[in-house]
Protein backbone atom coordinates (compact mmCIF):
# COMPACT_ATOMS: atom_id res chain seq x y z
CA MET A 1 -76.66 -142.89 135.00
CA GLN A 2 -73.32 -141.04 134.86
CA GLU A 3 -72.06 -143.53 132.26
CA LYS A 4 -75.01 -142.69 129.98
CA TYR A 5 -74.19 -138.99 130.23
CA GLN A 6 -70.54 -139.67 129.47
CA ASN A 7 -71.40 -141.85 126.47
CA LEU A 8 -73.72 -139.16 125.11
CA LYS A 9 -71.02 -136.57 125.55
CA ILE A 10 -68.48 -138.69 123.67
CA ALA A 11 -70.93 -139.46 120.86
CA GLN A 12 -71.90 -135.82 120.56
CA ARG A 13 -68.24 -134.78 120.37
CA TRP A 14 -67.49 -137.20 117.53
CA VAL A 15 -70.56 -136.18 115.55
CA LEU A 16 -69.56 -132.52 115.91
CA ILE A 17 -65.98 -133.29 114.84
CA SER A 18 -67.19 -135.13 111.76
CA SER A 19 -69.59 -132.27 110.96
CA LEU A 20 -66.73 -129.77 111.11
CA ALA A 21 -64.64 -131.99 108.86
CA TYR A 22 -67.51 -132.18 106.35
CA VAL A 23 -67.88 -128.38 106.41
CA PHE A 24 -64.16 -127.96 105.74
CA LEU A 25 -64.23 -130.52 102.91
CA ALA A 26 -67.35 -129.03 101.37
CA MET A 27 -65.90 -125.51 101.39
CA LEU A 28 -62.58 -126.70 99.95
CA LYS A 29 -64.32 -128.66 97.21
CA LEU A 30 -66.62 -125.73 96.40
CA VAL A 31 -63.68 -123.33 96.05
CA VAL A 32 -61.53 -125.70 94.01
CA GLY A 33 -64.54 -126.80 91.94
CA GLN A 34 -65.44 -123.19 91.11
CA MET A 35 -61.85 -122.29 90.27
CA SER A 36 -61.33 -125.34 88.05
CA HIS A 37 -64.89 -125.40 86.66
CA SER A 38 -65.18 -129.02 87.80
CA ALA A 39 -68.74 -130.30 87.93
CA THR A 40 -67.51 -133.41 89.74
CA LEU A 41 -66.02 -131.45 92.64
CA LEU A 42 -69.10 -129.25 92.88
CA ALA A 43 -71.33 -132.33 93.03
CA ASP A 44 -69.07 -133.89 95.65
CA ALA A 45 -69.24 -130.68 97.70
CA SER A 46 -73.04 -130.81 97.66
CA ASN A 47 -72.81 -134.44 98.80
CA ASN A 48 -70.69 -133.30 101.77
CA LEU A 49 -73.37 -130.73 102.63
CA THR A 50 -75.98 -133.49 102.82
CA ASP A 51 -73.61 -135.42 105.10
CA ILE A 52 -73.60 -132.38 107.40
CA LEU A 53 -77.40 -132.48 107.55
CA SER A 54 -77.24 -136.17 108.40
CA SER A 55 -74.81 -135.48 111.23
CA MET A 56 -77.12 -132.81 112.63
CA ALA A 57 -80.00 -135.28 112.52
CA ILE A 58 -77.88 -137.77 114.47
CA ILE A 59 -77.15 -135.15 117.15
CA TYR A 60 -80.84 -134.36 117.43
CA ASP A 61 -81.64 -138.07 117.73
CA PHE A 62 -79.05 -138.52 120.50
CA ILE A 63 -80.56 -135.66 122.44
CA SER A 64 -84.19 -136.63 122.00
CA HIS A 65 -83.43 -140.28 122.82
CA ALA A 66 -81.59 -139.25 125.99
CA VAL A 67 -84.41 -137.00 127.11
CA HIS A 68 -87.09 -139.62 126.47
CA GLN A 69 -85.19 -142.48 128.10
CA MET A 70 -84.68 -140.66 131.37
CA SER A 71 -87.28 -139.73 133.86
CA ILE A 72 -86.57 -136.03 133.65
CA THR A 73 -85.88 -134.28 136.92
CA SER A 74 -84.35 -130.89 137.53
CA THR A 75 -81.08 -132.66 138.29
CA ASP A 76 -81.15 -134.46 134.93
CA ILE A 77 -81.88 -131.22 133.09
CA GLY A 78 -78.97 -129.58 134.91
CA LYS A 79 -76.66 -132.41 133.88
CA LEU A 80 -77.80 -132.20 130.26
CA LYS A 81 -77.17 -128.47 130.27
CA GLN A 82 -73.69 -129.09 131.66
CA LEU A 83 -73.07 -131.42 128.74
CA ARG A 84 -74.42 -128.73 126.43
CA LEU A 85 -76.86 -131.20 124.93
CA LEU A 86 -79.92 -129.01 125.36
CA GLN A 87 -78.29 -126.01 123.73
CA LEU A 88 -78.57 -127.69 120.33
CA LEU A 89 -82.35 -127.99 120.46
C-alpha cells in the first residue's frame, strides 16, 4: 500500500512540474508574441494553456483513481492528506 502512495506522489510531482513549465512557456510566448505581433507565438501560447488543462485533468484522474481503488479508511484519508492529494479536489 505504501508503494502505491509513493508512486502517486511521484506522478503528482511530475505533473505539477510539467504544469509549471507550461505556465512559464505560455506566459513567455504571450509576452513575446504581443511585443512582436506574432500570431504564431500567440497561437502556440494558447496551445500551452490547453496543455495546462490536460495536466490538471491528469492530476484529478490520479486522485480519483487512487480514492476509488482503495477501501477508504480514516488512515487512508490521513495518508492522502499527508501527500496533499486531497487538497487539489
